[in-house]
Amino acid sequence: VPVKSSNSIDGWDSVLSILQMPGGVPVATVALNGAKNAGILAAQIIG
């Protein structure tokens, strides 16, 4: 979950840092401040 923080570059630094993972190290990435969708996705994985 990329979080728009006080030291952020409009949140883009967080989004790109989480999104641009190298091959072999996947991270499912939701929208900026998208924690609700992260919770739903986790529930779907469990479901």
PDB file of all heavy atoms in Angstrom:
ATOM      1  N   VAL A   1       0.857  -1.180   0.000  1.00  0.00           N
ATOM      2  CA  VAL A   1       0.000   0.000   0.000  1.00  0.00           C
ATOM      3  C   VAL A   1       0.896   1.235   0.000  1.00  0.00           C
ATOM      4  O   VAL A   1       1.532   1.543   1.005  1.00  0.00           O
ATOM      5  CB  VAL A   1      -0.932   0.045   1.232  1.00  0.00           C
ATOM      6  CG1 VAL A   1      -1.798   1.306   1.204  1.00  0.00           C
ATOM      7  CG2 VAL A   1      -1.791  -1.207   1.322  1.00  0.00           C
ATOM      8  N   PRO A   2       0.974   1.934  -1.132  1.00  0.00           N
ATOM      9  CA  PRO A   2       1.727   3.185  -1.138  1.00  0.00           C
ATOM     10  C   PRO A   2       0.962   4.244  -0.343  1.00  0.00           C
ATOM     11  O   PRO A   2      -0.240   4.429  -0.561  1.00  0.00           O
ATOM     12  CB  PRO A   2       1.829   3.558  -2.616  1.00  0.00           C
ATOM     13  CG  PRO A   2       0.955   2.628  -3.365  1.00  0.00           C
ATOM     14  CD  PRO A   2       0.429   1.594  -2.437  1.00  0.00           C
ATOM     15  N   VAL A   3       1.657   4.884   0.588  1.00  0.00           N
ATOM     16  CA  VAL A   3       1.030   5.878   1.456  1.00  0.00           C
ATOM     17  C   VAL A   3       1.591   7.258   1.104  1.00  0.00           C
ATOM     18  O   VAL A   3       2.810   7.439   1.033  1.00  0.00           O
ATOM     19  CB  VAL A   3       1.302   5.553   2.944  1.00  0.00           C
ATOM     20  CG1 VAL A   3       0.733   6.635   3.856  1.00  0.00           C
ATOM     21  CG2 VAL A   3       0.722   4.185   3.300  1.00  0.00           C
ATOM     22  N   LYS A   4       0.694   8.189   0.883  1.00  0.00           N
ATOM     23  CA  LYS A   4       1.134   9.565   0.613  1.00  0.00           C
ATOM     24  C   LYS A   4       1.521  10.186   1.948  1.00  0.00           C
ATOM     25  O   LYS A   4       0.676  10.495   2.779  1.00  0.00           O
ATOM     26  CB  LYS A   4       0.025  10.370  -0.063  1.00  0.00           C
ATOM     27  CG  LYS A   4       0.497  11.755  -0.456  1.00  0.00           C
ATOM     28  CD  LYS A   4      -0.568  12.513  -1.227  1.00  0.00           C
ATOM     29  CE  LYS A   4      -0.036  13.885  -1.593  1.00  0.00           C
ATOM     30  NZ  LYS A   4      -1.067  14.687  -2.264  1.00  0.00           N
ATOM     31  N   SER A   5       2.802  10.355   2.146  1.00  0.00           N
ATOM     32  CA  SER A   5       3.308  10.863   3.419  1.00  0.00           C
ATOM     33  C   SER A   5       3.742  12.318   3.283  1.00  0.00           C
ATOM     34  O   SER A   5       3.799  12.875   2.182  1.00  0.00           O
ATOM     35  CB  SER A   5       4.477  10.003   3.893  1.00  0.00           C
ATOM     36  OG  SER A   5       5.517  10.027   2.940  1.00  0.00           O
ATOM     37  N   SER A   6       4.071  12.916   4.409  1.00  0.00           N
ATOM     38  CA  SER A   6       4.449  14.333   4.427  1.00  0.00           C
ATOM     39  C   SER A   6       5.743  14.593   3.663  1.00  0.00           C
ATOM     40  O   SER A   6       5.945  15.687   3.149  1.00  0.00           O
ATOM     41  CB  SER A   6       4.583  14.823   5.864  1.00  0.00           C
ATOM     42  OG  SER A   6       5.578  14.069   6.534  1.00  0.00           O
ATOM     43  N   ASN A   7       6.612  13.604   3.573  1.00  0.00           N
ATOM     44  CA  ASN A   7       7.874  13.785   2.847  1.00  0.00           C
ATOM     45  C   ASN A   7       7.817  13.199   1.442  1.00  0.00           C
ATOM     46  O   ASN A   7       8.822  12.949   0.812  1.00  0.00           O
ATOM     47  CB  ASN A   7       9.033  13.151   3.628  1.00  0.00           C
ATOM     48  CG  ASN A   7       8.906  11.639   3.739  1.00  0.00           C
ATOM     49  OD1 ASN A   7       7.833  11.086   3.583  1.00  0.00           O
ATOM     50  ND2 ASN A   7      10.010  10.987   4.035  1.00  0.00           N
ATOM     51  N   SER A   8       6.603  12.987   0.956  1.00  0.00           N
ATOM     52  CA  SER A   8       6.398  12.323  -0.323  1.00  0.00           C
ATOM     53  C   SER A   8       6.426  13.305  -1.486  1.00  0.00           C
ATOM     54  O   SER A   8       6.156  14.487  -1.329  1.00  0.00           O
ATOM     55  CB  SER A   8       5.039  11.616  -0.292  1.00  0.00           C
ATOM     56  OG  SER A   8       4.772  10.991  -1.512  1.00  0.00           O
ATOM     57  N   ILE A   9       6.719  12.777  -2.666  1.00  0.00           N
ATOM     58  CA  ILE A   9       6.647  13.547  -3.903  1.00  0.00           C
ATOM     59  C   ILE A   9       5.268  13.274  -4.492  1.00  0.00           C
ATOM     60  O   ILE A   9       5.115  12.522  -5.447  1.00  0.00           O
ATOM     61  CB  ILE A   9       7.782  13.169  -4.873  1.00  0.00           C
ATOM     62  CG1 ILE A   9       9.135  13.332  -4.200  1.00  0.00           C
ATOM     63  CG2 ILE A   9       7.705  14.012  -6.149  1.00  0.00           C
ATOM     64  CD1 ILE A   9      10.290  12.741  -4.990  1.00  0.00           C
ATOM     65  N   ASP A  10       4.239  13.841  -3.854  1.00  0.00           N
ATOM     66  CA  ASP A  10       2.848  13.664  -4.259  1.00  0.00           C
ATOM     67  C   ASP A  10       2.425  12.197  -4.266  1.00  0.00           C
ATOM     68  O   ASP A  10       1.473  11.834  -4.950  1.00  0.00           O
ATOM     69  CB  ASP A  10       2.616  14.310  -5.632  1.00  0.00           C
ATOM     70  CG  ASP A  10       1.357  15.162  -5.664  1.00  0.00           C
ATOM     71  OD1 ASP A  10       0.810  15.456  -4.579  1.00  0.00           O
ATOM     72  OD2 ASP A  10       0.928  15.515  -6.766  1.00  0.00           O
ATOM     73  N   GLY A  11       3.142  11.348  -3.567  1.00  0.00           N
ATOM     74  CA  GLY A  11       2.817   9.931  -3.489  1.00  0.00           C
ATOM     75  C   GLY A  11       3.430   9.078  -4.585  1.00  0.00           C
ATOM     76  O   GLY A  11       3.461   7.859  -4.477  1.00  0.00           O
ATOM     77  N   TRP A  12       3.922   9.718  -5.644  1.00  0.00           N
ATOM     78  CA  TRP A  12       4.473   8.954  -6.762  1.00  0.00           C
ATOM     79  C   TRP A  12       5.713   8.155  -6.374  1.00  0.00           C
ATOM     80  O   TRP A  12       5.936   7.058  -6.883  1.00  0.00           O
ATOM     81  CB  TRP A  12       4.793   9.867  -7.949  1.00  0.00           C
ATOM     82  CG  TRP A  12       3.575  10.175  -8.744  1.00  0.00           C
ATOM     83  CD1 TRP A  12       2.889  11.348  -8.784  1.00  0.00           C
ATOM     84  CD2 TRP A  12       2.864   9.263  -9.581  1.00  0.00           C
ATOM     85  NE1 TRP A  12       1.799  11.228  -9.600  1.00  0.00           N
ATOM     86  CE2 TRP A  12       1.751   9.956 -10.111  1.00  0.00           C
ATOM     87  CE3 TRP A  12       3.043   7.930  -9.939  1.00  0.00           C
ATOM     88  CZ2 TRP A  12       0.842   9.368 -10.972  1.00  0.00           C
ATOM     89  CZ3 TRP A  12       2.132   7.334 -10.802  1.00  0.00           C
ATOM     90  CH2 TRP A  12       1.047   8.056 -11.314  1.00  0.00           C
ATOM     91  N   ASP A  13       6.529   8.700  -5.493  1.00  0.00           N
ATOM     92  CA  ASP A  13       7.720   7.963  -5.065  1.00  0.00           C
ATOM     93  C   ASP A  13       7.327   6.648  -4.408  1.00  0.00           C
ATOM     94  O   ASP A  13       7.905   5.600  -4.686  1.00  0.00           O
ATOM     95  CB  ASP A  13       8.603   8.806  -4.143  1.00  0.00           C
ATOM     96  CG  ASP A  13       7.841   9.520  -3.038  1.00  0.00           C
ATOM     97  OD1 ASP A  13       6.586   9.558  -3.073  1.00  0.00           O
ATOM     98  OD2 ASP A  13       8.486  10.071  -2.138  1.00  0.00           O
ATOM     99  N   SER A  14       6.297   6.679  -3.585  1.00  0.00           N
ATOM    100  CA  SER A  14       5.827   5.464  -2.917  1.00  0.00           C
ATOM    101  C   SER A  14       5.223   4.478  -3.909  1.00  0.00           C
ATOM    102  O   SER A  14       5.509   3.284  -3.862  1.00  0.00           O
ATOM    103  CB  SER A  14       4.783   5.816  -1.856  1.00  0.00           C
ATOM    104  OG  SER A  14       5.287   6.768  -0.962  1.00  0.00           O
ATOM    105  N   VAL A  15       4.374   4.982  -4.799  1.00  0.00           N
ATOM    106  CA  VAL A  15       3.740   4.118  -5.798  1.00  0.00           C
ATOM    107  C   VAL A  15       4.807   3.404  -6.625  1.00  0.00           C
ATOM    108  O   VAL A  15       4.786   2.174  -6.776  1.00  0.00           O
ATOM    109  CB  VAL A  15       2.800   4.924  -6.718  1.00  0.00           C
ATOM    110  CG1 VAL A  15       2.330   4.069  -7.890  1.00  0.00           C
ATOM    111  CG2 VAL A  15       1.614   5.465  -5.942  1.00  0.00           C
ATOM    112  N   LEU A  16       5.744   4.156  -7.173  1.00  0.00           N
ATOM    113  CA  LEU A  16       6.750   3.557  -8.055  1.00  0.00           C
ATOM    114  C   LEU A  16       7.699   2.632  -7.310  1.00  0.00           C
ATOM    115  O   LEU A  16       8.105   1.598  -7.842  1.00  0.00           O
ATOM    116  CB  LEU A  16       7.520   4.650  -8.792  1.00  0.00           C
ATOM    117  CG  LEU A  16       6.675   5.464  -9.780  1.00  0.00           C
ATOM    118  CD1 LEU A  16       7.483   6.618 -10.342  1.00  0.00           C
ATOM    119  CD2 LEU A  16       6.121   4.585 -10.887  1.00  0.00           C
ATOM    120  N   SER A  17       8.036   2.979  -6.077  1.00  0.00           N
ATOM    121  CA  SER A  17       8.925   2.130  -5.294  1.00  0.00           C
ATOM    122  C   SER A  17       8.315   0.751  -5.062  1.00  0.00           C
ATOM    123  O   SER A  17       9.004  -0.260  -5.145  1.00  0.00           O
ATOM    124  CB  SER A  17       9.232   2.795  -3.953  1.00  0.00           C
ATOM    125  OG  SER A  17      10.056   1.972  -3.165  1.00  0.00           O
ATOM    126  N   ILE A  18       7.015   0.715  -4.803  1.00  0.00           N
ATOM    127  CA  ILE A  18       6.349  -0.561  -4.534  1.00  0.00           C
ATOM    128  C   ILE A  18       6.009  -1.285  -5.838  1.00  0.00           C
ATOM    129  O   ILE A  18       6.119  -2.503  -5.937  1.00  0.00           O
ATOM    130  CB  ILE A  18       5.086  -0.337  -3.672  1.00  0.00           C
ATOM    131  CG1 ILE A  18       5.487   0.272  -2.315  1.00  0.00           C
ATOM    132  CG2 ILE A  18       4.318  -1.641  -3.475  1.00  0.00           C
ATOM    133  CD1 ILE A  18       4.314   0.740  -1.469  1.00  0.00           C
ATOM    134  N   LEU A  19       5.644  -0.539  -6.850  1.00  0.00           N
ATOM    135  CA  LEU A  19       5.213  -1.108  -8.119  1.00  0.00           C
ATOM    136  C   LEU A  19       6.352  -1.728  -8.926  1.00  0.00           C
ATOM    137  O   LEU A  19       6.190  -2.772  -9.543  1.00  0.00           O
ATOM    138  CB  LEU A  19       4.539  -0.011  -8.945  1.00  0.00           C
ATOM    139  CG  LEU A  19       3.882  -0.401 -10.251  1.00  0.00           C
ATOM    140  CD1 LEU A  19       2.704  -1.325 -10.003  1.00  0.00           C
ATOM    141  CD2 LEU A  19       3.424   0.851 -10.985  1.00  0.00           C
ATOM    142  N   GLN A  20       7.507  -1.107  -8.914  1.00  0.00           N
ATOM    143  CA  GLN A  20       8.606  -1.495  -9.803  1.00  0.00           C
ATOM    144  C   GLN A  20       9.538  -2.530  -9.172  1.00  0.00           C
ATOM    145  O   GLN A  20      10.732  -2.324  -9.072  1.00  0.00           O
ATOM    146  CB  GLN A  20       9.415  -0.258 -10.203  1.00  0.00           C
ATOM    147  CG  GLN A  20       8.626   0.746 -11.020  1.00  0.00           C
ATOM    148  CD  GLN A  20       8.311   0.238 -12.399  1.00  0.00           C
ATOM    149  OE1 GLN A  20       7.414  -0.569 -12.584  1.00  0.00           O
ATOM    150  NE2 GLN A  20       9.035   0.703 -13.388  1.00  0.00           N
ATOM    151  N   MET A  21       8.983  -3.675  -8.792  1.00  0.00           N
ATOM    152  CA  MET A  21       9.791  -4.724  -8.185  1.00  0.00           C
ATOM    153  C   MET A  21      10.486  -5.551  -9.264  1.00  0.00           C
ATOM    154  O   MET A  21       9.945  -5.745 -10.354  1.00  0.00           O
ATOM    155  CB  MET A  21       8.905  -5.627  -7.327  1.00  0.00           C
ATOM    156  CG  MET A  21       8.350  -4.940  -6.091  1.00  0.00           C
ATOM    157  SD  MET A  21       9.635  -4.304  -5.002  1.00  0.00           S
ATOM    158  CE  MET A  21      10.463  -5.816  -4.575  1.00  0.00           C
ATOM    159  N   PRO A  22      11.681  -6.049  -8.957  1.00  0.00           N
ATOM    160  CA  PRO A  22      12.390  -6.873  -9.941  1.00  0.00           C
ATOM    161  C   PRO A  22      11.734  -8.240 -10.086  1.00  0.00           C
ATOM    162  O   PRO A  22      11.030  -8.715  -9.188  1.00  0.00           O
ATOM    163  CB  PRO A  22      13.796  -7.004  -9.334  1.00  0.00           C
ATOM    164  CG  PRO A  22      13.605  -6.827  -7.869  1.00  0.00           C
ATOM    165  CD  PRO A  22      12.448  -5.866  -7.724  1.00  0.00           C
ATOM    166  N   GLY A  23      11.980  -8.874 -11.226  1.00  0.00           N
ATOM    167  CA  GLY A  23      11.463 -10.211 -11.465  1.00  0.00           C
ATOM    168  C   GLY A  23      11.853 -11.160 -10.346  1.00  0.00           C
ATOM    169  O   GLY A  23      12.985 -11.138  -9.885  1.00  0.00           O
ATOM    170  N   GLY A  24      10.904 -11.953  -9.902  1.00  0.00           N
ATOM    171  CA  GLY A  24      11.167 -12.920  -8.840  1.00  0.00           C
ATOM    172  C   GLY A  24      10.762 -12.442  -7.458  1.00  0.00           C
ATOM    173  O   GLY A  24      10.745 -13.225  -6.521  1.00  0.00           O
ATOM    174  N   VAL A  25      10.462 -11.152  -7.330  1.00  0.00           N
ATOM    175  CA  VAL A  25      10.070 -10.595  -6.027  1.00  0.00           C
ATOM    176  C   VAL A  25       8.777  -9.791  -6.218  1.00  0.00           C
ATOM    177  O   VAL A  25       8.777  -8.563  -6.203  1.00  0.00           O
ATOM    178  CB  VAL A  25      11.178  -9.697  -5.421  1.00  0.00           C
ATOM    179  CG1 VAL A  25      10.816  -9.301  -3.987  1.00  0.00           C
ATOM    180  CG2 VAL A  25      12.525 -10.402  -5.441  1.00  0.00           C
ATOM    181  N   PRO A  26       7.648 -10.497  -6.420  1.00  0.00           N
ATOM    182  CA  PRO A  26       6.403  -9.778  -6.679  1.00  0.00           C
ATOM    183  C   PRO A  26       5.813  -9.126  -5.433  1.00  0.00           C
ATOM    184  O   PRO A  26       5.911  -9.673  -4.333  1.00  0.00           O
ATOM    185  CB  PRO A  26       5.470 -10.867  -7.197  1.00  0.00           C
ATOM    186  CG  PRO A  26       5.968 -12.111  -6.548  1.00  0.00           C
ATOM    187  CD  PRO A  26       7.466 -11.951  -6.451  1.00  0.00           C
ATOM    188  N   VAL A  27       5.230  -7.962  -5.646  1.00  0.00           N
ATOM    189  CA  VAL A  27       4.415  -7.300  -4.634  1.00  0.00           C
ATOM    190  C   VAL A  27       3.148  -6.842  -5.351  1.00  0.00           C
ATOM    191  O   VAL A  27       3.225  -6.070  -6.305  1.00  0.00           O
ATOM    192  CB  VAL A  27       5.135  -6.083  -4.004  1.00  0.00           C
ATOM    193  CG1 VAL A  27       4.195  -5.331  -3.060  1.00  0.00           C
ATOM    194  CG2 VAL A  27       6.398  -6.505  -3.257  1.00  0.00           C
ATOM    195  N   ALA A  28       2.005  -7.340  -4.921  1.00  0.00           N
ATOM    196  CA  ALA A  28       0.742  -6.837  -5.463  1.00  0.00           C
ATOM    197  C   ALA A  28       0.580  -5.423  -4.938  1.00  0.00           C
ATOM    198  O   ALA A  28       0.719  -5.183  -3.736  1.00  0.00           O
ATOM    199  CB  ALA A  28      -0.414  -7.713  -5.001  1.00  0.00           C
ATOM    200  N   THR A  29       0.336  -4.476  -5.817  1.00  0.00           N
ATOM    201  CA  THR A  29       0.297  -3.069  -5.414  1.00  0.00           C
ATOM    202  C   THR A  29      -1.080  -2.488  -5.671  1.00  0.00           C
ATOM    203  O   THR A  29      -1.630  -2.649  -6.754  1.00  0.00           O
ATOM    204  CB  THR A  29       1.357  -2.265  -6.202  1.00  0.00           C
ATOM    205  OG1 THR A  29       2.615  -2.929  -6.095  1.00  0.00           O
ATOM    206  CG2 THR A  29       1.482  -0.860  -5.656  1.00  0.00           C
ATOM    207  N   VAL A  30      -1.624  -1.827  -4.660  1.00  0.00           N
ATOM    208  CA  VAL A  30      -2.913  -1.151  -4.796  1.00  0.00           C
ATOM    209  C   VAL A  30      -2.667   0.346  -4.985  1.00  0.00           C
ATOM    210  O   VAL A  30      -1.533   0.816  -4.952  1.00  0.00           O
ATOM    211  CB  VAL A  30      -3.826  -1.421  -3.580  1.00  0.00           C
ATOM    212  CG1 VAL A  30      -4.181  -2.906  -3.495  1.00  0.00           C
ATOM    213  CG2 VAL A  30      -3.193  -0.951  -2.283  1.00  0.00           C
ATOM    214  N   ALA A  31      -3.730   1.084  -5.175  1.00  0.00           N
ATOM    215  CA  ALA A  31      -3.640   2.523  -5.414  1.00  0.00           C
ATOM    216  C   ALA A  31      -3.069   3.267  -4.207  1.00  0.00           C
ATOM    217  O   ALA A  31      -3.054   2.751  -3.090  1.00  0.00           O
ATOM    218  CB  ALA A  31      -5.027   3.074  -5.742  1.00  0.00           C
ATOM    219  N   LEU A  32      -2.622   4.463  -4.455  1.00  0.00           N
ATOM    220  CA  LEU A  32      -2.139   5.346  -3.394  1.00  0.00           C
ATOM    221  C   LEU A  32      -3.209   5.447  -2.303  1.00  0.00           C
ATOM    222  O   LEU A  32      -4.374   5.740  -2.596  1.00  0.00           O
ATOM    223  CB  LEU A  32      -1.827   6.728  -3.976  1.00  0.00           C
ATOM    224  CG  LEU A  32      -1.200   7.746  -3.046  1.00  0.00           C
ATOM    225  CD1 LEU A  32       0.182   7.286  -2.585  1.00  0.00           C
ATOM    226  CD2 LEU A  32      -1.094   9.097  -3.751  1.00  0.00           C
ATOM    227  N   ASN A  33      -2.819   5.155  -1.071  1.00  0.00           N
ATOM    228  CA  ASN A  33      -3.720   5.147   0.095  1.00  0.00           C
ATOM    229  C   ASN A  33      -4.853   4.127  -0.053  1.00  0.00           C
ATOM    230  O   ASN A  33      -5.887   4.250   0.580  1.00  0.00           O
ATOM    231  CB  ASN A  33      -4.294   6.537   0.369  1.00  0.00           C
ATOM    232  CG  ASN A  33      -3.248   7.513   0.869  1.00  0.00           C
ATOM    233  OD1 ASN A  33      -2.140   7.134   1.235  1.00  0.00           O
ATOM    234  ND2 ASN A  33      -3.583   8.780   0.877  1.00  0.00           N
ATOM    235  N   GLY A  34      -4.648   3.092  -0.866  1.00  0.00           N
ATOM    236  CA  GLY A  34      -5.692   2.114  -1.168  1.00  0.00           C
ATOM    237  C   GLY A  34      -5.733   0.928  -0.223  1.00  0.00           C
ATOM    238  O   GLY A  34      -5.887  -0.212  -0.676  1.00  0.00           O
ATOM    239  N   ALA A  35      -5.629   1.166   1.064  1.00  0.00           N
ATOM    240  CA  ALA A  35      -5.576   0.071   2.032  1.00  0.00           C
ATOM    241  C   ALA A  35      -6.858  -0.761   2.058  1.00  0.00           C
ATOM    242  O   ALA A  35      -6.814  -1.967   2.296  1.00  0.00           O
ATOM    243  CB  ALA A  35      -5.267   0.604   3.427  1.00  0.00           C
ATOM    244  N   LYS A  36      -8.001  -0.141   1.801  1.00  0.00           N
ATOM    245  CA  LYS A  36      -9.247  -0.909   1.783  1.00  0.00           C
ATOM    246  C   LYS A  36      -9.164  -2.002   0.726  1.00  0.00           C
ATOM    247  O   LYS A  36      -9.506  -3.156   0.987  1.00  0.00           O
ATOM    248  CB  LYS A  36     -10.439   0.009   1.510  1.00  0.00           C
ATOM    249  CG  LYS A  36     -11.768  -0.700   1.513  1.00  0.00           C
ATOM    250  CD  LYS A  36     -12.912   0.286   1.326  1.00  0.00           C
ATOM    251  CE  LYS A  36     -14.255  -0.393   1.401  1.00  0.00           C
ATOM    252  NZ  LYS A  36     -15.361   0.575   1.247  1.00  0.00           N
ATOM    253  N   ASN A  37      -8.701  -1.658  -0.481  1.00  0.00           N
ATOM    254  CA  ASN A  37      -8.564  -2.668  -1.531  1.00  0.00           C
ATOM    255  C   ASN A  37      -7.524  -3.718  -1.160  1.00  0.00           C
ATOM    256  O   ASN A  37      -7.662  -4.880  -1.534  1.00  0.00           O
ATOM    257  CB  ASN A  37      -8.227  -2.025  -2.869  1.00  0.00           C
ATOM    258  CG  ASN A  37      -9.457  -1.556  -3.608  1.00  0.00           C
ATOM    259  OD1 ASN A  37     -10.584  -1.834  -3.211  1.00  0.00           O
ATOM    260  ND2 ASN A  37      -9.250  -0.837  -4.695  1.00  0.00           N
ATOM    261  N   ALA A  38      -6.488  -3.328  -0.436  1.00  0.00           N
ATOM    262  CA  ALA A  38      -5.502  -4.314   0.015  1.00  0.00           C
ATOM    263  C   ALA A  38      -6.158  -5.331   0.942  1.00  0.00           C
ATOM    264  O   ALA A  38      -5.893  -6.532   0.849  1.00  0.00           O
ATOM    265  CB  ALA A  38      -4.335  -3.622   0.709  1.00  0.00           C
ATOM    266  N   GLY A  39      -7.023  -4.857   1.823  1.00  0.00           N
ATOM    267  CA  GLY A  39      -7.733  -5.756   2.722  1.00  0.00           C
ATOM    268  C   GLY A  39      -8.661  -6.688   1.969  1.00  0.00           C
ATOM    269  O   GLY A  39      -8.734  -7.886   2.256  1.00  0.00           O
ATOM    270  N   ILE A  40      -9.362  -6.147   0.977  1.00  0.00           N
ATOM    271  CA  ILE A  40     -10.258  -6.978   0.171  1.00  0.00           C
ATOM    272  C   ILE A  40      -9.453  -8.020  -0.608  1.00  0.00           C
ATOM    273  O   ILE A  40      -9.826  -9.200  -0.660  1.00  0.00           O
ATOM    274  CB  ILE A  40     -11.117  -6.108  -0.769  1.00  0.00           C
ATOM    275  CG1 ILE A  40     -12.075  -5.237   0.045  1.00  0.00           C
ATOM    276  CG2 ILE A  40     -11.891  -6.983  -1.757  1.00  0.00           C
ATOM    277  CD1 ILE A  40     -12.737  -4.119  -0.742  1.00  0.00           C
ATOM    278  N   LEU A  41      -8.342  -7.607  -1.204  1.00  0.00           N
ATOM    279  CA  LEU A  41      -7.509  -8.557  -1.948  1.00  0.00           C
ATOM    280  C   LEU A  41      -6.969  -9.653  -1.037  1.00  0.00           C
ATOM    281  O   LEU A  41      -6.968 -10.830  -1.401  1.00  0.00           O
ATOM    282  CB  LEU A  41      -6.363  -7.823  -2.659  1.00  0.00           C
ATOM    283  CG  LEU A  41      -5.410  -8.677  -3.484  1.00  0.00           C
ATOM    284  CD1 LEU A  41      -6.152  -9.483  -4.548  1.00  0.00           C
ATOM    285  CD2 LEU A  41      -4.339  -7.792  -4.124  1.00  0.00           C
ATOM    286  N   ALA A  42      -6.535  -9.294   0.156  1.00  0.00           N
ATOM    287  CA  ALA A  42      -6.059 -10.307   1.112  1.00  0.00           C
ATOM    288  C   ALA A  42      -7.182 -11.295   1.437  1.00  0.00           C
ATOM    289  O   ALA A  42      -6.962 -12.505   1.480  1.00  0.00           O
ATOM    290  CB  ALA A  42      -5.549  -9.639   2.385  1.00  0.00           C
ATOM    291  N   ALA A  43      -8.391 -10.776   1.648  1.00  0.00           N
ATOM    292  CA  ALA A  43      -9.538 -11.651   1.925  1.00  0.00           C
ATOM    293  C   ALA A  43      -9.826 -12.557   0.736  1.00  0.00           C
ATOM    294  O   ALA A  43     -10.149 -13.739   0.907  1.00  0.00           O
ATOM    295  CB  ALA A  43     -10.763 -10.809   2.278  1.00  0.00           C
ATOM    296  N   GLN A  44      -9.702 -12.035  -0.487  1.00  0.00           N
ATOM    297  CA  GLN A  44      -9.935 -12.864  -1.671  1.00  0.00           C
ATOM    298  C   GLN A  44      -8.890 -13.966  -1.795  1.00  0.00           C
ATOM    299  O   GLN A  44      -9.210 -15.086  -2.199  1.00  0.00           O
ATOM    300  CB  GLN A  44      -9.958 -11.987  -2.932  1.00  0.00           C
ATOM    301  CG  GLN A  44     -11.189 -11.100  -3.005  1.00  0.00           C
ATOM    302  CD  GLN A  44     -11.148 -10.135  -4.169  1.00  0.00           C
ATOM    303  OE1 GLN A  44     -10.122  -9.528  -4.460  1.00  0.00           O
ATOM    304  NE2 GLN A  44     -12.277  -9.964  -4.832  1.00  0.00           N
ATOM    305  N   ILE A  45      -7.651 -13.649  -1.460  1.00  0.00           N
ATOM    306  CA  ILE A  45      -6.595 -14.675  -1.481  1.00  0.00           C
ATOM    307  C   ILE A  45      -6.952 -15.780  -0.485  1.00  0.00           C
ATOM    308  O   ILE A  45      -6.897 -16.969  -0.809  1.00  0.00           O
ATOM    309  CB  ILE A  45      -5.214 -14.052  -1.167  1.00  0.00           C
ATOM    310  CG1 ILE A  45      -4.770 -13.146  -2.331  1.00  0.00           C
ATOM    311  CG2 ILE A  45      -4.180 -15.150  -0.890  1.00  0.00           C
ATOM    312  CD1 ILE A  45      -3.571 -12.266  -2.009  1.00  0.00           C
ATOM    313  N   ILE A  46      -7.348 -15.395   0.707  1.00  0.00           N
ATOM    314  CA  ILE A  46      -7.735 -16.376   1.726  1.00  0.00           C
ATOM    315  C   ILE A  46      -8.998 -17.119   1.287  1.00  0.00           C
ATOM    316  O   ILE A  46      -9.112 -18.336   1.448  1.00  0.00           O
ATOM    317  CB  ILE A  46      -7.931 -15.683   3.088  1.00  0.00           C
ATOM    318  CG1 ILE A  46      -6.570 -15.193   3.603  1.00  0.00           C
ATOM    319  CG2 ILE A  46      -8.619 -16.605   4.093  1.00  0.00           C
ATOM    320  CD1 ILE A  46      -6.650 -14.230   4.760  1.00  0.00           C
ATOM    321  N   GLY A  47      -9.929 -16.385   0.691  1.00  0.00           N
ATOM    322  CA  GLY A  47     -11.187 -16.973   0.246  1.00  0.00           C
ATOM    323  C   GLY A  47     -11.026 -18.021  -0.843  1.00  0.00           C
ATOM    324  O   GLY A  47     -11.909 -18.864  -1.029  1.00  0.00           O
TER     325      GLY A  47
END
